[in-house]
């Protein structure tokens, strides 16, 4: 819920500094996938979500999200596959970013919700999330 609130706020509107930062992260993710560098991709995934939090006025959002993600990340880092799943995540991040950049709050929130559901379902069971 918190990450969907973040993208909702980010899409009203997001400044150019944050846009440039997110574009850079998405480009770096693409390079990590092309090099089949799972560890770098996962670090950039974290950086993408952190950058979204930094773009809004929810100063403690990232700390709260981090608390929840700690358990999930331990499992994700050991089980997450390459390159199909990471390529899919880049597409999802790009759709979320484009919705935020264009100010389409509804799409940004819907896409973040689907992205988070996918992360919880692949490869984890929903009870893990």
Protein backbone atom coordinates (compact mmCIF):
# COMPACT_ATOMS: atom_id res chain seq x y z
CA UNK A 1 0.00 0.00 0.00
CA UNK A 2 2.78 2.40 0.85
CA UNK A 3 4.53 2.01 -2.51
CA UNK A 4 1.28 2.65 -4.37
CA UNK A 5 0.85 5.82 -2.29
CA UNK A 6 4.38 6.82 -3.28
CA UNK A 7 3.67 6.49 -7.02
CA UNK A 8 0.36 8.28 -6.59
CA UNK A 9 2.14 11.25 -5.03
CA UNK A 10 5.04 11.09 -7.48
CA UNK A 11 2.68 11.51 -10.42
CA UNK A 12 1.44 14.88 -9.11
CA UNK A 13 3.97 16.07 -10.64
CA UNK A 14 7.49 14.70 -10.51
CA UNK A 15 10.38 17.12 -11.02
CA UNK A 16 13.02 16.83 -13.74
CA UNK A 17 15.79 15.86 -11.32
CA UNK A 18 13.86 12.78 -10.23
CA UNK A 19 12.84 12.02 -13.81
CA UNK A 20 16.49 12.02 -14.88
CA UNK A 21 17.48 9.84 -11.93
CA UNK A 22 14.80 7.26 -12.73
CA UNK A 23 15.72 7.23 -16.44
CA UNK A 24 19.34 6.57 -15.51
CA UNK A 25 18.37 3.70 -13.21
CA UNK A 26 16.18 2.11 -15.90
CA UNK A 27 19.05 2.33 -18.40
CA UNK A 28 21.45 0.76 -15.91
CA UNK A 29 18.95 -2.05 -15.27
CA UNK A 30 18.88 -2.79 -18.97
CA UNK A 31 22.67 -3.01 -19.03
CA UNK A 32 22.68 -5.32 -16.00
CA UNK A 33 20.25 -7.66 -17.76
CA UNK A 34 22.33 -7.63 -20.94
CA UNK A 35 25.39 -8.64 -18.86
CA UNK A 36 23.32 -11.21 -16.96
CA UNK A 37 24.40 -9.49 -13.75
CA UNK A 38 21.76 -10.56 -11.25
CA UNK A 39 23.34 -8.84 -8.24
CA UNK A 40 23.63 -5.49 -9.98
CA UNK A 41 20.07 -5.75 -11.26
CA UNK A 42 18.75 -6.38 -7.76
CA UNK A 43 20.71 -3.43 -6.38
CA UNK A 44 19.25 -1.23 -9.12
CA UNK A 45 15.75 -2.55 -8.38
CA UNK A 46 16.25 -1.35 -4.82
CA UNK A 47 17.60 1.96 -6.10
CA UNK A 48 14.55 2.43 -8.38
CA UNK A 49 12.07 2.01 -5.54
CA UNK A 50 14.19 4.18 -3.24
CA UNK A 51 14.34 6.94 -5.88
CA UNK A 52 10.55 6.87 -6.14
CA UNK A 53 10.32 7.37 -2.38
CA UNK A 54 12.77 10.25 -2.53
CA UNK A 55 10.63 12.00 -5.13
CA UNK A 56 7.68 12.49 -2.76
CA UNK A 57 6.96 14.11 0.58
CA UNK A 58 6.83 10.93 2.64
CA UNK A 59 10.09 11.22 4.58
CA UNK A 60 9.83 7.90 6.42
CA UNK A 61 8.31 5.89 3.59
CA UNK A 62 11.57 4.26 2.56
CA UNK A 63 12.39 3.20 6.12
CA UNK A 64 8.99 1.56 6.50
CA UNK A 65 9.26 -0.14 3.10
CA UNK A 66 12.76 -1.36 3.97
CA UNK A 67 11.51 -2.97 7.16
CA UNK A 68 8.91 -4.95 5.24
CA UNK A 69 11.27 -5.78 2.36
CA UNK A 70 14.08 -7.22 4.47
CA UNK A 71 12.50 -10.67 4.73
CA UNK A 72 11.25 -10.65 1.15
CA UNK A 73 14.69 -9.65 -0.18
CA UNK A 74 16.46 -12.54 1.50
CA UNK A 75 14.25 -14.92 -0.45
CA UNK A 76 14.23 -12.85 -3.67
CA UNK A 77 18.02 -12.63 -3.87
CA UNK A 78 18.37 -16.40 -3.62
CA UNK A 79 15.48 -17.43 -5.87
CA UNK A 80 14.99 -14.69 -8.45
CA UNK A 81 15.71 -15.77 -12.01
CA UNK A 82 17.50 -14.14 -14.91
CA UNK A 83 17.01 -12.86 -17.56
CA UNK A 84 13.29 -13.26 -18.34
CA UNK A 85 12.00 -12.10 -14.97
CA UNK A 86 14.39 -9.16 -14.79
CA UNK A 87 13.50 -8.09 -18.33
CA UNK A 88 9.84 -8.21 -17.30
CA UNK A 89 10.62 -6.08 -14.24
CA UNK A 90 12.28 -3.44 -16.42
CA UNK A 91 9.16 -3.29 -18.57
CA UNK A 92 7.03 -2.89 -15.43
CA UNK A 93 9.33 -0.20 -14.02
CA UNK A 94 9.23 1.64 -17.35
CA UNK A 95 5.42 1.56 -17.49
CA UNK A 96 5.23 2.85 -13.91
CA UNK A 97 7.77 5.56 -14.66
CA UNK A 98 5.99 6.67 -17.87
CA UNK A 99 2.68 6.90 -16.02
CA UNK A 100 4.30 8.98 -13.29
CA UNK A 101 6.05 11.24 -15.80
CA UNK A 102 2.82 11.84 -17.71
CA UNK A 103 0.86 12.47 -14.49
CA UNK A 104 -1.41 9.46 -14.98
CA UNK A 105 -1.95 8.61 -11.33
CA UNK A 106 -4.48 5.86 -11.99
CA UNK A 107 -2.18 3.91 -14.30
CA UNK A 108 0.86 4.49 -12.04
CA UNK A 109 -0.96 3.06 -9.03
CA UNK A 110 -2.47 0.12 -10.96
CA UNK A 111 0.87 -0.79 -12.51
CA UNK A 112 2.76 -0.56 -9.21
CA UNK A 113 0.16 -2.77 -7.60
CA UNK A 114 0.52 -5.37 -10.38
CA UNK A 115 4.33 -5.11 -10.20
CA UNK A 116 4.35 -5.77 -6.46
CA UNK A 117 1.93 -8.68 -6.88
CA UNK A 118 4.21 -10.20 -9.52
CA UNK A 119 7.25 -9.85 -7.28
CA UNK A 120 5.39 -11.63 -4.50
CA UNK A 121 4.15 -14.40 -6.79
CA UNK A 122 7.36 -15.00 -8.77
CA UNK A 123 9.08 -17.03 -7.49
CA UNK A 124 7.61 -16.73 -4.01
CA UNK A 125 4.28 -18.02 -2.84
CA UNK A 126 1.81 -15.35 -1.73
CA UNK A 127 2.08 -16.51 1.87
CA UNK A 128 5.78 -15.52 1.86
CA UNK A 129 4.81 -11.93 1.01
